[in-house]
């Protein structure tokens, strides 16, 4: 039984305190503020507990699964400005070719991974659960995916690049991982690629245009 489940009936702030400890122990204490905000703004105690269960699951997964741990990968991205987008649109053609070459040689593109390109740009790619489509981040970025993955990529110095609307400023060192339900975590930013539905047409994994057109083959 989880800690949150075992503490049902107790003061909600006591439960929050316990989950905060778990996040800190998993070295993702930076998620605590978002957790407190979500839990305390929930419309009911039951919904607040669901929020806490989500963050407990994050802390547990990071702690138990070495695949996502800094101890194994020895990678943690520094604080800074990043682009949150499909790597095929946030990298130049030559950068993307380099990424594909390294990715296919090392992981056959079956595993999410951190990359440092030859020009110094940092890329951390997480695979979506079902491949291509359009997904929305917890900060309301609209992310079109054609390569089956979403990445944080070191943003260029200029602010007028193609993906400037998807720039994110992360103020602390962070790592990236995904869970079994298709939720991708980039620091405290999440992208649900599991049951996400397009706000325009209501379809899952669609390819909407500005005119709200989409391919009927995307319909389930």
N, C-alpha and C. Protein backbone atom coordinates (compact mmCIF):
# COMPACT_ATOMS: atom_id res chain seq x y z
N UNK A 1 0.84 -1.19 0.00
CA UNK A 1 0.00 0.00 0.00
C UNK A 1 0.88 1.25 0.00
N UNK A 2 0.50 2.24 -0.80
CA UNK A 2 1.28 3.47 -0.88
C UNK A 2 1.12 4.29 0.39
N UNK A 3 2.03 5.24 0.57
CA UNK A 3 1.96 6.11 1.74
C UNK A 3 0.68 6.93 1.72
N UNK A 4 0.33 7.46 0.55
CA UNK A 4 -0.88 8.28 0.45
C UNK A 4 -2.11 7.46 0.81
N UNK A 5 -2.18 6.23 0.29
CA UNK A 5 -3.33 5.38 0.61
C UNK A 5 -3.38 5.04 2.09
N UNK A 6 -2.21 4.79 2.68
CA UNK A 6 -2.19 4.42 4.10
C UNK A 6 -2.54 5.60 5.01
N UNK A 7 -2.42 6.84 4.48
CA UNK A 7 -2.69 8.03 5.29
C UNK A 7 -4.05 8.65 5.00
N UNK A 8 -4.88 7.97 4.25
CA UNK A 8 -6.23 8.48 3.98
C UNK A 8 -6.96 8.68 5.31
N UNK A 9 -7.61 9.83 5.44
CA UNK A 9 -8.32 10.14 6.67
C UNK A 9 -7.52 11.07 7.57
N UNK A 10 -6.21 11.16 7.30
CA UNK A 10 -5.40 12.08 8.09
C UNK A 10 -5.44 13.48 7.46
N UNK A 11 -4.95 14.46 8.19
CA UNK A 11 -4.90 15.83 7.71
C UNK A 11 -4.14 15.88 6.38
N UNK A 12 -4.72 16.54 5.39
CA UNK A 12 -4.14 16.55 4.05
C UNK A 12 -2.73 17.15 4.04
N UNK A 13 -2.48 18.09 4.96
CA UNK A 13 -1.15 18.71 5.00
C UNK A 13 -0.10 17.75 5.55
N UNK A 14 -0.53 16.82 6.36
CA UNK A 14 0.40 15.79 6.83
C UNK A 14 0.79 14.87 5.68
N UNK A 15 -0.18 14.58 4.80
CA UNK A 15 0.11 13.74 3.64
C UNK A 15 1.04 14.47 2.67
N UNK A 16 0.77 15.76 2.49
CA UNK A 16 1.62 16.58 1.62
C UNK A 16 3.06 16.56 2.12
N UNK A 17 3.22 16.68 3.42
CA UNK A 17 4.56 16.68 4.01
C UNK A 17 5.30 15.38 3.73
N UNK A 18 4.60 14.26 3.78
CA UNK A 18 5.24 12.97 3.53
C UNK A 18 5.65 12.82 2.07
N UNK A 19 4.77 13.26 1.16
CA UNK A 19 5.10 13.15 -0.26
C UNK A 19 6.24 14.11 -0.60
N UNK A 20 6.28 15.27 0.06
CA UNK A 20 7.38 16.21 -0.16
C UNK A 20 8.71 15.54 0.21
N UNK A 21 8.71 14.79 1.31
CA UNK A 21 9.93 14.08 1.74
C UNK A 21 10.35 13.08 0.67
N UNK A 22 9.37 12.38 0.08
CA UNK A 22 9.69 11.40 -0.96
C UNK A 22 10.31 12.07 -2.17
N UNK A 23 9.77 13.22 -2.58
CA UNK A 23 10.31 13.94 -3.73
C UNK A 23 11.75 14.38 -3.47
N UNK A 24 11.99 14.87 -2.26
CA UNK A 24 13.34 15.31 -1.93
C UNK A 24 14.30 14.12 -1.91
N UNK A 25 13.84 13.00 -1.39
CA UNK A 25 14.68 11.81 -1.34
C UNK A 25 15.02 11.31 -2.74
N UNK A 26 14.08 11.49 -3.68
CA UNK A 26 14.30 11.07 -5.07
C UNK A 26 15.05 12.12 -5.88
N UNK A 27 15.48 13.20 -5.19
CA UNK A 27 16.24 14.29 -5.82
C UNK A 27 15.43 15.06 -6.85
N UNK A 28 14.11 15.11 -6.65
CA UNK A 28 13.24 15.95 -7.48
C UNK A 28 12.41 16.85 -6.57
N UNK A 29 13.07 17.39 -5.56
CA UNK A 29 12.39 18.27 -4.63
C UNK A 29 11.83 19.51 -5.29
N UNK A 30 12.36 19.86 -6.49
CA UNK A 30 11.84 21.02 -7.21
C UNK A 30 10.38 20.84 -7.64
N UNK A 31 9.87 19.60 -7.59
CA UNK A 31 8.48 19.36 -7.94
C UNK A 31 7.53 19.66 -6.78
N UNK A 32 8.08 19.90 -5.60
CA UNK A 32 7.25 20.04 -4.41
C UNK A 32 6.29 21.22 -4.50
N UNK A 33 6.77 22.35 -4.99
CA UNK A 33 5.91 23.53 -5.07
C UNK A 33 4.72 23.29 -5.98
N UNK A 34 4.97 22.66 -7.12
CA UNK A 34 3.87 22.35 -8.04
C UNK A 34 2.90 21.37 -7.40
N UNK A 35 3.42 20.40 -6.66
CA UNK A 35 2.58 19.42 -5.99
C UNK A 35 1.67 20.11 -4.97
N UNK A 36 2.25 20.99 -4.14
CA UNK A 36 1.46 21.69 -3.12
C UNK A 36 0.37 22.54 -3.77
N UNK A 37 0.73 23.24 -4.85
CA UNK A 37 -0.24 24.09 -5.53
C UNK A 37 -1.40 23.27 -6.08
N UNK A 38 -1.07 22.14 -6.72
CA UNK A 38 -2.12 21.29 -7.29
C UNK A 38 -3.01 20.70 -6.21
N UNK A 39 -2.38 20.21 -5.14
CA UNK A 39 -3.14 19.54 -4.09
C UNK A 39 -4.04 20.50 -3.33
N UNK A 40 -3.54 21.68 -2.99
CA UNK A 40 -4.32 22.63 -2.20
C UNK A 40 -5.39 23.34 -3.02
N UNK A 41 -5.26 23.32 -4.36
CA UNK A 41 -6.28 23.95 -5.19
C UNK A 41 -7.32 22.95 -5.69
N UNK A 42 -7.15 21.67 -5.33
CA UNK A 42 -8.11 20.64 -5.73
C UNK A 42 -9.47 20.93 -5.10
N UNK A 43 -10.53 20.57 -5.82
CA UNK A 43 -11.88 20.91 -5.37
C UNK A 43 -12.38 20.04 -4.23
N UNK A 44 -11.72 18.92 -4.00
CA UNK A 44 -12.13 18.03 -2.91
C UNK A 44 -10.92 17.32 -2.35
N UNK A 45 -11.09 16.74 -1.17
CA UNK A 45 -10.00 16.00 -0.55
C UNK A 45 -9.63 14.78 -1.38
N UNK A 46 -10.63 14.17 -2.00
CA UNK A 46 -10.38 12.99 -2.83
C UNK A 46 -9.51 13.35 -4.03
N UNK A 47 -9.79 14.49 -4.65
CA UNK A 47 -8.99 14.92 -5.80
C UNK A 47 -7.58 15.31 -5.36
N UNK A 48 -7.47 15.91 -4.17
CA UNK A 48 -6.15 16.26 -3.64
C UNK A 48 -5.31 15.01 -3.42
N UNK A 49 -5.94 13.95 -2.93
CA UNK A 49 -5.22 12.70 -2.71
C UNK A 49 -4.76 12.09 -4.02
N UNK A 50 -5.56 12.25 -5.08
CA UNK A 50 -5.15 11.74 -6.39
C UNK A 50 -3.91 12.47 -6.89
N UNK A 51 -3.87 13.79 -6.65
CA UNK A 51 -2.69 14.57 -7.03
C UNK A 51 -1.46 14.05 -6.28
N UNK A 52 -1.63 13.82 -4.99
CA UNK A 52 -0.51 13.35 -4.16
C UNK A 52 -0.08 11.95 -4.57
N UNK A 53 -1.02 11.11 -4.95
CA UNK A 53 -0.68 9.78 -5.42
C UNK A 53 0.16 9.86 -6.70
N UNK A 54 -0.16 10.83 -7.56
CA UNK A 54 0.61 11.00 -8.80
C UNK A 54 2.07 11.35 -8.47
N UNK A 55 2.25 12.28 -7.55
CA UNK A 55 3.62 12.68 -7.22
C UNK A 55 4.34 11.60 -6.42
N UNK A 56 3.61 10.86 -5.63
CA UNK A 56 4.23 9.73 -4.93
C UNK A 56 4.73 8.71 -5.94
N UNK A 57 3.94 8.47 -6.98
CA UNK A 57 4.33 7.50 -8.01
C UNK A 57 5.58 7.98 -8.75
N UNK A 58 5.67 9.28 -9.00
CA UNK A 58 6.86 9.83 -9.66
C UNK A 58 8.09 9.58 -8.80
N UNK A 59 8.00 9.93 -7.51
CA UNK A 59 9.13 9.75 -6.60
C UNK A 59 9.53 8.29 -6.49
N UNK A 60 8.53 7.41 -6.42
CA UNK A 60 8.80 5.98 -6.30
C UNK A 60 9.47 5.44 -7.54
N UNK A 61 8.98 5.86 -8.72
CA UNK A 61 9.55 5.35 -9.96
C UNK A 61 11.00 5.79 -10.12
N UNK A 62 11.28 7.04 -9.80
CA UNK A 62 12.64 7.53 -9.93
C UNK A 62 13.56 6.77 -8.98
N UNK A 63 13.08 6.53 -7.78
CA UNK A 63 13.91 5.86 -6.77
C UNK A 63 14.17 4.41 -7.11
N UNK A 64 13.17 3.74 -7.71
CA UNK A 64 13.27 2.30 -7.91
C UNK A 64 13.82 1.90 -9.28
N UNK A 65 13.73 2.77 -10.25
CA UNK A 65 14.13 2.40 -11.61
C UNK A 65 15.43 3.08 -11.99
N UNK A 66 16.51 2.34 -12.01
CA UNK A 66 17.83 2.92 -12.31
C UNK A 66 17.89 3.53 -13.70
N UNK A 67 16.99 3.13 -14.55
CA UNK A 67 17.01 3.63 -15.93
C UNK A 67 16.91 5.15 -15.96
N UNK A 68 16.21 5.70 -14.97
CA UNK A 68 15.99 7.14 -14.99
C UNK A 68 16.87 7.88 -13.98
N UNK A 69 17.79 7.20 -13.35
CA UNK A 69 18.55 7.81 -12.26
C UNK A 69 19.86 8.42 -12.74
N UNK A 70 20.22 9.53 -12.17
CA UNK A 70 21.48 10.18 -12.46
C UNK A 70 22.65 9.26 -12.14
N UNK A 71 22.48 8.42 -11.13
CA UNK A 71 23.56 7.53 -10.70
C UNK A 71 24.01 6.62 -11.83
N UNK A 72 23.10 6.26 -12.71
CA UNK A 72 23.46 5.38 -13.82
C UNK A 72 23.88 6.17 -15.06
N UNK A 73 23.04 7.12 -15.46
CA UNK A 73 23.29 7.85 -16.69
C UNK A 73 24.36 8.92 -16.55
N UNK A 74 24.59 9.37 -15.34
CA UNK A 74 25.56 10.45 -15.09
C UNK A 74 25.23 11.68 -15.92
N UNK A 75 23.93 11.94 -16.12
CA UNK A 75 23.53 13.10 -16.88
C UNK A 75 22.46 13.87 -16.11
N UNK A 76 22.67 15.15 -15.96
CA UNK A 76 21.67 16.05 -15.43
C UNK A 76 21.82 17.35 -16.20
N UNK A 77 20.75 17.81 -16.80
CA UNK A 77 20.85 19.02 -17.61
C UNK A 77 20.95 20.25 -16.70
N UNK A 78 21.75 21.23 -17.10
CA UNK A 78 21.87 22.43 -16.29
C UNK A 78 20.67 23.34 -16.44
N UNK A 79 20.47 24.23 -15.48
CA UNK A 79 19.42 25.24 -15.60
C UNK A 79 19.67 26.08 -16.85
N UNK A 80 18.61 26.55 -17.45
CA UNK A 80 18.77 27.38 -18.64
C UNK A 80 17.53 27.39 -19.50
N UNK A 81 17.65 27.98 -20.68
CA UNK A 81 16.53 28.05 -21.62
C UNK A 81 16.61 26.89 -22.59
N UNK A 82 15.48 26.21 -22.77
CA UNK A 82 15.39 25.06 -23.65
C UNK A 82 14.18 25.20 -24.57
N UNK A 83 14.23 24.45 -25.66
CA UNK A 83 13.06 24.31 -26.53
C UNK A 83 12.42 22.97 -26.20
N UNK A 84 11.12 22.96 -26.02
CA UNK A 84 10.37 21.73 -25.79
C UNK A 84 9.61 21.41 -27.07
N UNK A 85 10.12 20.47 -27.85
CA UNK A 85 9.55 20.21 -29.17
C UNK A 85 10.08 18.90 -29.73
N UNK A 86 9.53 18.52 -30.87
CA UNK A 86 10.08 17.38 -31.62
C UNK A 86 11.50 17.75 -32.03
N UNK A 87 12.48 16.88 -31.79
CA UNK A 87 13.86 17.23 -32.16
C UNK A 87 14.05 17.49 -33.64
N UNK A 88 13.19 16.90 -34.49
CA UNK A 88 13.37 17.12 -35.93
C UNK A 88 13.00 18.54 -36.34
N UNK A 89 12.25 19.27 -35.50
CA UNK A 89 11.91 20.65 -35.80
C UNK A 89 12.73 21.64 -34.99
N UNK A 90 13.32 21.20 -33.88
CA UNK A 90 14.08 22.13 -33.03
C UNK A 90 15.58 22.09 -33.32
N UNK A 91 16.01 21.14 -34.15
CA UNK A 91 17.43 21.05 -34.54
C UNK A 91 17.56 21.37 -36.03
N UNK A 92 18.75 21.83 -36.41
CA UNK A 92 19.00 22.03 -37.83
C UNK A 92 19.09 20.67 -38.52
N UNK A 93 19.10 20.67 -39.84
CA UNK A 93 19.17 19.41 -40.58
C UNK A 93 20.43 18.63 -40.24
N UNK A 94 21.56 19.33 -40.16
CA UNK A 94 22.82 18.65 -39.86
C UNK A 94 22.85 18.14 -38.42
N UNK A 95 22.28 18.93 -37.50
CA UNK A 95 22.22 18.50 -36.10
C UNK A 95 21.33 17.27 -35.95
N UNK A 96 20.22 17.28 -36.66
CA UNK A 96 19.30 16.14 -36.56
C UNK A 96 19.92 14.89 -37.18
N UNK A 97 20.64 15.06 -38.28
CA UNK A 97 21.34 13.92 -38.89
C UNK A 97 22.34 13.33 -37.90
N UNK A 98 23.06 14.20 -37.20
CA UNK A 98 24.02 13.73 -36.20
C UNK A 98 23.30 12.99 -35.08
N UNK A 99 22.18 13.55 -34.63
CA UNK A 99 21.40 12.91 -33.56
C UNK A 99 20.95 11.52 -33.98
N UNK A 100 20.42 11.41 -35.19
CA UNK A 100 19.94 10.11 -35.68
C UNK A 100 21.08 9.10 -35.77
N UNK A 101 22.22 9.55 -36.26
CA UNK A 101 23.37 8.66 -36.42
C UNK A 101 23.78 8.08 -35.07
N UNK A 102 23.92 8.94 -34.08
CA UNK A 102 24.33 8.48 -32.75
C UNK A 102 23.23 7.64 -32.12
N UNK A 103 21.99 8.09 -32.25
CA UNK A 103 20.88 7.37 -31.62
C UNK A 103 20.73 5.97 -32.18
N UNK A 104 20.79 5.84 -33.50
CA UNK A 104 20.61 4.53 -34.12
C UNK A 104 21.76 3.60 -33.78
N UNK A 105 22.98 4.14 -33.75
CA UNK A 105 24.14 3.32 -33.42
C UNK A 105 24.10 2.84 -31.97
N UNK A 106 23.66 3.72 -31.06
CA UNK A 106 23.74 3.40 -29.64
C UNK A 106 22.47 2.75 -29.08
N UNK A 107 21.31 3.13 -29.59
CA UNK A 107 20.07 2.64 -28.97
C UNK A 107 19.06 2.10 -29.97
N UNK A 108 19.39 2.21 -31.28
CA UNK A 108 18.44 1.82 -32.33
C UNK A 108 17.11 2.57 -32.18
N UNK A 109 17.17 3.74 -31.55
CA UNK A 109 16.03 4.64 -31.41
C UNK A 109 14.89 4.02 -30.61
N UNK A 110 15.20 2.96 -29.85
CA UNK A 110 14.18 2.32 -29.03
C UNK A 110 14.20 2.80 -27.60
N UNK A 111 15.12 3.69 -27.27
CA UNK A 111 15.28 4.10 -25.88
C UNK A 111 15.46 5.60 -25.79
N UNK A 112 14.76 6.23 -24.85
CA UNK A 112 14.93 7.65 -24.64
C UNK A 112 16.32 7.90 -24.07
N UNK A 113 16.93 9.01 -24.49
CA UNK A 113 18.31 9.18 -24.10
C UNK A 113 18.77 10.62 -24.18
N UNK A 114 19.84 10.91 -23.42
CA UNK A 114 20.51 12.20 -23.43
C UNK A 114 21.61 12.19 -24.49
N UNK A 115 21.75 13.32 -25.19
CA UNK A 115 22.79 13.46 -26.20
C UNK A 115 23.48 14.82 -26.05
N UNK A 116 24.77 14.86 -26.29
CA UNK A 116 25.51 16.11 -26.42
C UNK A 116 26.05 16.16 -27.84
N UNK A 117 25.53 17.10 -28.64
CA UNK A 117 25.96 17.19 -30.02
C UNK A 117 27.36 17.77 -30.12
N UNK A 118 27.98 17.62 -31.28
CA UNK A 118 29.36 18.05 -31.44
C UNK A 118 29.53 19.55 -31.28
N UNK A 119 28.45 20.32 -31.50
CA UNK A 119 28.53 21.77 -31.34
C UNK A 119 28.20 22.22 -29.91
N UNK A 120 27.97 21.24 -29.02
CA UNK A 120 27.73 21.55 -27.62
C UNK A 120 26.28 21.60 -27.21
N UNK A 121 25.35 21.58 -28.16
CA UNK A 121 23.93 21.63 -27.79
C UNK A 121 23.53 20.34 -27.08
N UNK A 122 22.69 20.50 -26.07
CA UNK A 122 22.24 19.35 -25.28
C UNK A 122 20.83 18.96 -25.73
N UNK A 123 20.61 17.67 -25.84
CA UNK A 123 19.32 17.15 -26.29
C UNK A 123 18.94 15.98 -25.41
N UNK A 124 17.74 15.99 -24.88
CA UNK A 124 17.23 14.81 -24.16
C UNK A 124 15.90 14.44 -24.79
N UNK A 125 15.87 13.30 -25.45
CA UNK A 125 14.68 12.85 -26.19
C UNK A 125 13.93 11.80 -25.37
N UNK A 126 12.62 11.98 -25.27
CA UNK A 126 11.75 10.96 -24.67
C UNK A 126 10.76 10.51 -25.74
N UNK A 127 10.60 9.21 -25.89
CA UNK A 127 9.66 8.69 -26.87
C UNK A 127 8.23 8.85 -26.40
N UNK A 128 7.34 9.21 -27.33
CA UNK A 128 5.91 9.24 -27.00
C UNK A 128 5.42 7.80 -26.90
N UNK A 129 4.25 7.62 -26.31
CA UNK A 129 3.75 6.26 -26.09
C UNK A 129 3.29 5.60 -27.39
N UNK A 130 2.67 6.38 -28.28
CA UNK A 130 2.08 5.80 -29.49
C UNK A 130 2.62 6.40 -30.78
N UNK A 131 3.75 7.10 -30.71
CA UNK A 131 4.31 7.63 -31.94
C UNK A 131 3.91 9.07 -32.20
N UNK A 132 3.59 9.38 -33.47
CA UNK A 132 3.37 10.75 -33.89
C UNK A 132 2.00 11.28 -33.49
N UNK A 133 1.86 12.60 -33.55
CA UNK A 133 0.60 13.24 -33.20
C UNK A 133 0.83 14.65 -32.73
N UNK A 134 -0.14 15.20 -32.01
CA UNK A 134 0.00 16.54 -31.43
C UNK A 134 -0.38 16.45 -29.97
N UNK A 135 0.48 16.97 -29.11
CA UNK A 135 0.32 16.83 -27.67
C UNK A 135 0.48 18.18 -26.99
N UNK A 136 -0.07 18.28 -25.79
CA UNK A 136 -0.07 19.54 -25.05
C UNK A 136 0.69 19.37 -23.74
N UNK A 137 1.60 20.29 -23.45
CA UNK A 137 2.35 20.21 -22.19
C UNK A 137 1.55 20.80 -21.05
N UNK A 138 2.03 20.59 -19.84
CA UNK A 138 1.37 21.15 -18.66
C UNK A 138 1.46 22.67 -18.64
N UNK A 139 2.32 23.25 -19.49
CA UNK A 139 2.41 24.71 -19.63
C UNK A 139 1.69 25.18 -20.90
N UNK A 140 0.88 24.27 -21.48
CA UNK A 140 0.01 24.59 -22.62
C UNK A 140 0.77 24.80 -23.93
N UNK A 141 1.97 24.24 -24.05
CA UNK A 141 2.64 24.23 -25.35
C UNK A 141 1.94 23.21 -26.24
N UNK A 142 1.73 23.55 -27.49
CA UNK A 142 1.21 22.61 -28.47
C UNK A 142 2.39 22.03 -29.23
N UNK A 143 2.57 20.71 -29.14
CA UNK A 143 3.77 20.07 -29.68
C UNK A 143 3.39 19.06 -30.76
N UNK A 144 3.74 19.38 -31.99
CA UNK A 144 3.53 18.43 -33.09
C UNK A 144 4.70 17.47 -33.16
N UNK A 145 4.41 16.18 -33.33
CA UNK A 145 5.46 15.16 -33.33
C UNK A 145 5.42 14.36 -34.62
N UNK A 146 6.55 14.33 -35.31
CA UNK A 146 6.69 13.55 -36.54
C UNK A 146 7.77 12.47 -36.41
N UNK A 147 8.59 12.55 -35.35
CA UNK A 147 9.70 11.60 -35.21
C UNK A 147 9.45 10.57 -34.12
N UNK A 148 8.29 10.63 -33.48
CA UNK A 148 8.00 9.69 -32.41
C UNK A 148 8.57 10.09 -31.07
N UNK A 149 9.14 11.30 -30.97
CA UNK A 149 9.73 11.73 -29.71
C UNK A 149 9.58 13.21 -29.46
N UNK A 150 9.68 13.58 -28.19
CA UNK A 150 9.69 14.98 -27.77
C UNK A 150 10.97 15.20 -26.99
N UNK A 151 11.59 16.35 -27.16
CA UNK A 151 12.88 16.59 -26.53
C UNK A 151 12.95 17.98 -25.92
N UNK A 152 13.83 18.12 -24.94
CA UNK A 152 14.31 19.45 -24.55
C UNK A 152 15.66 19.62 -25.24
N UNK A 153 15.82 20.77 -25.87
CA UNK A 153 17.03 21.08 -26.63
C UNK A 153 17.52 22.45 -26.20
N UNK A 154 18.81 22.60 -25.99
CA UNK A 154 19.36 23.90 -25.65
C UNK A 154 18.88 24.94 -26.65
N UNK A 155 18.24 26.00 -26.15
CA UNK A 155 17.68 27.03 -27.04
C UNK A 155 18.79 27.94 -27.56
N UNK A 156 18.66 28.41 -28.80
CA UNK A 156 19.64 29.37 -29.32
C UNK A 156 19.51 30.71 -28.61
N UNK A 157 20.53 31.54 -28.72
CA UNK A 157 20.53 32.83 -28.02
C UNK A 157 19.43 33.75 -28.52
N UNK A 158 19.15 33.71 -29.83
CA UNK A 158 18.12 34.59 -30.37
C UNK A 158 16.73 34.09 -29.97
N UNK A 159 15.78 35.03 -29.88
CA UNK A 159 14.43 34.68 -29.44
C UNK A 159 13.45 34.52 -30.59
N UNK A 160 13.92 34.69 -31.83
CA UNK A 160 13.00 34.65 -32.97
C UNK A 160 13.15 33.39 -33.80
N UNK A 161 13.65 32.31 -33.18
CA UNK A 161 13.81 31.06 -33.93
C UNK A 161 12.44 30.40 -34.13
N UNK A 162 12.42 29.37 -34.94
CA UNK A 162 11.16 28.75 -35.37
C UNK A 162 10.31 28.27 -34.21
N UNK A 163 10.93 27.75 -33.16
CA UNK A 163 10.17 27.17 -32.04
C UNK A 163 10.18 28.06 -30.81
N UNK A 164 10.32 29.39 -30.98
CA UNK A 164 10.42 30.29 -29.83
C UNK A 164 9.20 30.19 -28.91
N UNK A 165 8.04 29.90 -29.47
CA UNK A 165 6.84 29.80 -28.65
C UNK A 165 6.91 28.61 -27.69
N UNK A 166 7.82 27.68 -27.96
CA UNK A 166 7.99 26.52 -27.09
C UNK A 166 9.23 26.62 -26.23
N UNK A 167 9.78 27.82 -26.09
CA UNK A 167 10.91 28.02 -25.18
C UNK A 167 10.44 27.85 -23.74
N UNK A 168 11.26 27.20 -22.94
CA UNK A 168 10.98 27.07 -21.51
C UNK A 168 12.24 27.44 -20.73
N UNK A 169 12.07 28.14 -19.63
CA UNK A 169 13.19 28.50 -18.77
C UNK A 169 13.13 27.63 -17.53
N UNK A 170 14.13 26.77 -17.35
CA UNK A 170 14.18 25.87 -16.20
C UNK A 170 15.29 26.37 -15.27
N UNK A 171 14.93 26.64 -14.03
CA UNK A 171 15.81 27.38 -13.13
C UNK A 171 16.67 26.51 -12.24
N UNK A 172 16.72 25.22 -12.49
CA UNK A 172 17.48 24.31 -11.64
C UNK A 172 17.97 23.13 -12.49
N UNK A 173 19.05 22.48 -12.09
CA UNK A 173 19.47 21.27 -12.80
C UNK A 173 18.34 20.24 -12.77
N UNK A 174 18.22 19.46 -13.85
CA UNK A 174 17.07 18.55 -13.93
C UNK A 174 17.41 17.33 -14.77
N UNK A 175 16.56 16.33 -14.65
CA UNK A 175 16.64 15.13 -15.46
C UNK A 175 15.30 14.91 -16.14
N UNK A 176 15.22 13.95 -17.04
CA UNK A 176 14.01 13.69 -17.81
C UNK A 176 13.70 12.20 -17.79
N UNK A 177 12.42 11.86 -17.79
CA UNK A 177 12.02 10.46 -17.80
C UNK A 177 10.56 10.36 -18.22
N UNK A 178 10.10 9.15 -18.48
CA UNK A 178 8.69 8.92 -18.82
C UNK A 178 8.18 7.76 -18.01
N UNK A 179 6.84 7.71 -17.84
CA UNK A 179 6.27 6.59 -17.09
C UNK A 179 5.57 5.63 -18.05
N UNK A 180 5.04 4.55 -17.50
CA UNK A 180 4.45 3.50 -18.33
C UNK A 180 3.15 3.94 -18.99
N UNK A 181 2.54 5.03 -18.51
CA UNK A 181 1.28 5.51 -19.08
C UNK A 181 1.50 6.56 -20.16
N UNK A 182 2.76 6.80 -20.50
CA UNK A 182 3.04 7.73 -21.57
C UNK A 182 3.16 9.18 -21.16
N UNK A 183 3.29 9.45 -19.87
CA UNK A 183 3.51 10.81 -19.42
C UNK A 183 5.01 11.09 -19.42
N UNK A 184 5.42 12.14 -20.12
CA UNK A 184 6.83 12.51 -20.22
C UNK A 184 7.11 13.64 -19.24
N UNK A 185 8.25 13.54 -18.55
CA UNK A 185 8.61 14.52 -17.54
C UNK A 185 9.92 15.19 -17.94
N UNK A 186 9.86 16.50 -18.11
CA UNK A 186 11.05 17.32 -18.36
C UNK A 186 11.13 18.30 -17.20
N UNK A 187 11.96 17.97 -16.19
CA UNK A 187 11.92 18.72 -14.92
C UNK A 187 10.49 18.64 -14.40
N UNK A 188 9.85 19.77 -14.10
CA UNK A 188 8.48 19.74 -13.59
C UNK A 188 7.44 19.97 -14.68
N UNK A 189 7.87 19.90 -15.94
CA UNK A 189 6.95 20.06 -17.07
C UNK A 189 6.56 18.66 -17.56
N UNK A 190 5.27 18.43 -17.73
CA UNK A 190 4.82 17.12 -18.18
C UNK A 190 4.12 17.23 -19.53
N UNK A 191 4.19 16.14 -20.29
CA UNK A 191 3.46 16.02 -21.55
C UNK A 191 2.80 14.65 -21.56
N UNK A 192 1.48 14.63 -21.59
CA UNK A 192 0.77 13.36 -21.58
C UNK A 192 0.61 12.86 -23.01
N UNK A 193 1.32 11.80 -23.35
CA UNK A 193 1.22 11.23 -24.70
C UNK A 193 0.42 9.94 -24.70
N UNK A 194 -0.20 9.61 -23.55
CA UNK A 194 -0.94 8.36 -23.44
C UNK A 194 -2.37 8.47 -23.93
N UNK A 195 -3.16 9.35 -23.31
CA UNK A 195 -4.56 9.47 -23.71
C UNK A 195 -4.89 10.91 -24.08
N UNK A 196 -3.87 11.64 -24.53
CA UNK A 196 -4.07 13.03 -24.93
C UNK A 196 -4.98 13.10 -26.15
N UNK A 197 -5.91 14.07 -26.13
CA UNK A 197 -6.79 14.29 -27.26
C UNK A 197 -6.61 15.71 -27.78
N UNK A 198 -6.68 15.85 -29.08
CA UNK A 198 -6.51 17.16 -29.69
C UNK A 198 -7.65 18.08 -29.29
N UNK A 199 -7.31 19.32 -28.91
CA UNK A 199 -8.32 20.28 -28.52
C UNK A 199 -9.15 20.73 -29.72
N UNK A 200 -8.63 20.58 -30.92
CA UNK A 200 -9.32 21.06 -32.11
C UNK A 200 -10.34 20.06 -32.63
N UNK A 201 -9.92 18.80 -32.81
CA UNK A 201 -10.83 17.84 -33.44
C UNK A 201 -11.28 16.73 -32.52
N UNK A 202 -10.68 16.64 -31.33
CA UNK A 202 -11.10 15.61 -30.38
C UNK A 202 -10.51 14.25 -30.61
N UNK A 203 -9.66 14.13 -31.64
CA UNK A 203 -9.06 12.84 -31.94
C UNK A 203 -7.75 12.67 -31.18
N UNK A 204 -7.35 11.43 -30.96
CA UNK A 204 -6.06 11.13 -30.36
C UNK A 204 -5.00 11.05 -31.44
N UNK A 205 -3.83 11.64 -31.17
CA UNK A 205 -2.67 11.54 -32.06
C UNK A 205 -2.97 12.05 -33.46
N UNK A 206 -3.76 13.13 -33.56
CA UNK A 206 -4.14 13.61 -34.88
C UNK A 206 -3.08 14.53 -35.46
N UNK A 207 -3.29 14.95 -36.70
CA UNK A 207 -2.38 15.87 -37.38
C UNK A 207 -3.20 17.06 -37.86
N UNK A 208 -3.76 17.83 -36.96
CA UNK A 208 -4.60 18.96 -37.33
C UNK A 208 -3.80 20.03 -38.06
N UNK A 209 -4.45 20.73 -38.98
CA UNK A 209 -3.86 21.91 -39.60
C UNK A 209 -4.53 23.13 -38.98
N UNK A 210 -4.12 24.30 -39.44
CA UNK A 210 -4.73 25.52 -38.94
C UNK A 210 -6.20 25.62 -39.31
N UNK A 211 -6.57 24.89 -40.37
CA UNK A 211 -7.98 24.89 -40.79
C UNK A 211 -8.77 23.77 -40.12
N UNK A 212 -8.20 23.15 -39.10
CA UNK A 212 -8.86 22.10 -38.34
C UNK A 212 -9.13 20.87 -39.19
N UNK A 213 -8.31 20.62 -40.20
CA UNK A 213 -8.44 19.42 -41.00
C UNK A 213 -7.57 18.34 -40.42
N UNK A 214 -7.97 17.11 -40.57
CA UNK A 214 -7.14 16.01 -40.11
C UNK A 214 -7.44 14.77 -40.93
N UNK A 215 -6.51 13.89 -40.91
CA UNK A 215 -6.60 12.65 -41.67
C UNK A 215 -7.52 11.68 -40.96
N UNK A 216 -8.54 11.18 -41.64
CA UNK A 216 -9.51 10.28 -41.02
C UNK A 216 -8.86 9.00 -40.54
N UNK A 217 -7.67 8.66 -41.09
CA UNK A 217 -6.99 7.44 -40.65
C UNK A 217 -6.53 7.55 -39.20
N UNK A 218 -6.44 8.79 -38.65
CA UNK A 218 -5.99 8.96 -37.28
C UNK A 218 -7.09 8.64 -36.29
N UNK A 219 -8.34 8.55 -36.78
CA UNK A 219 -9.45 8.29 -35.88
C UNK A 219 -9.44 6.85 -35.43
N UNK A 220 -9.70 6.66 -34.13
CA UNK A 220 -9.71 5.29 -33.60
C UNK A 220 -11.08 4.66 -33.81
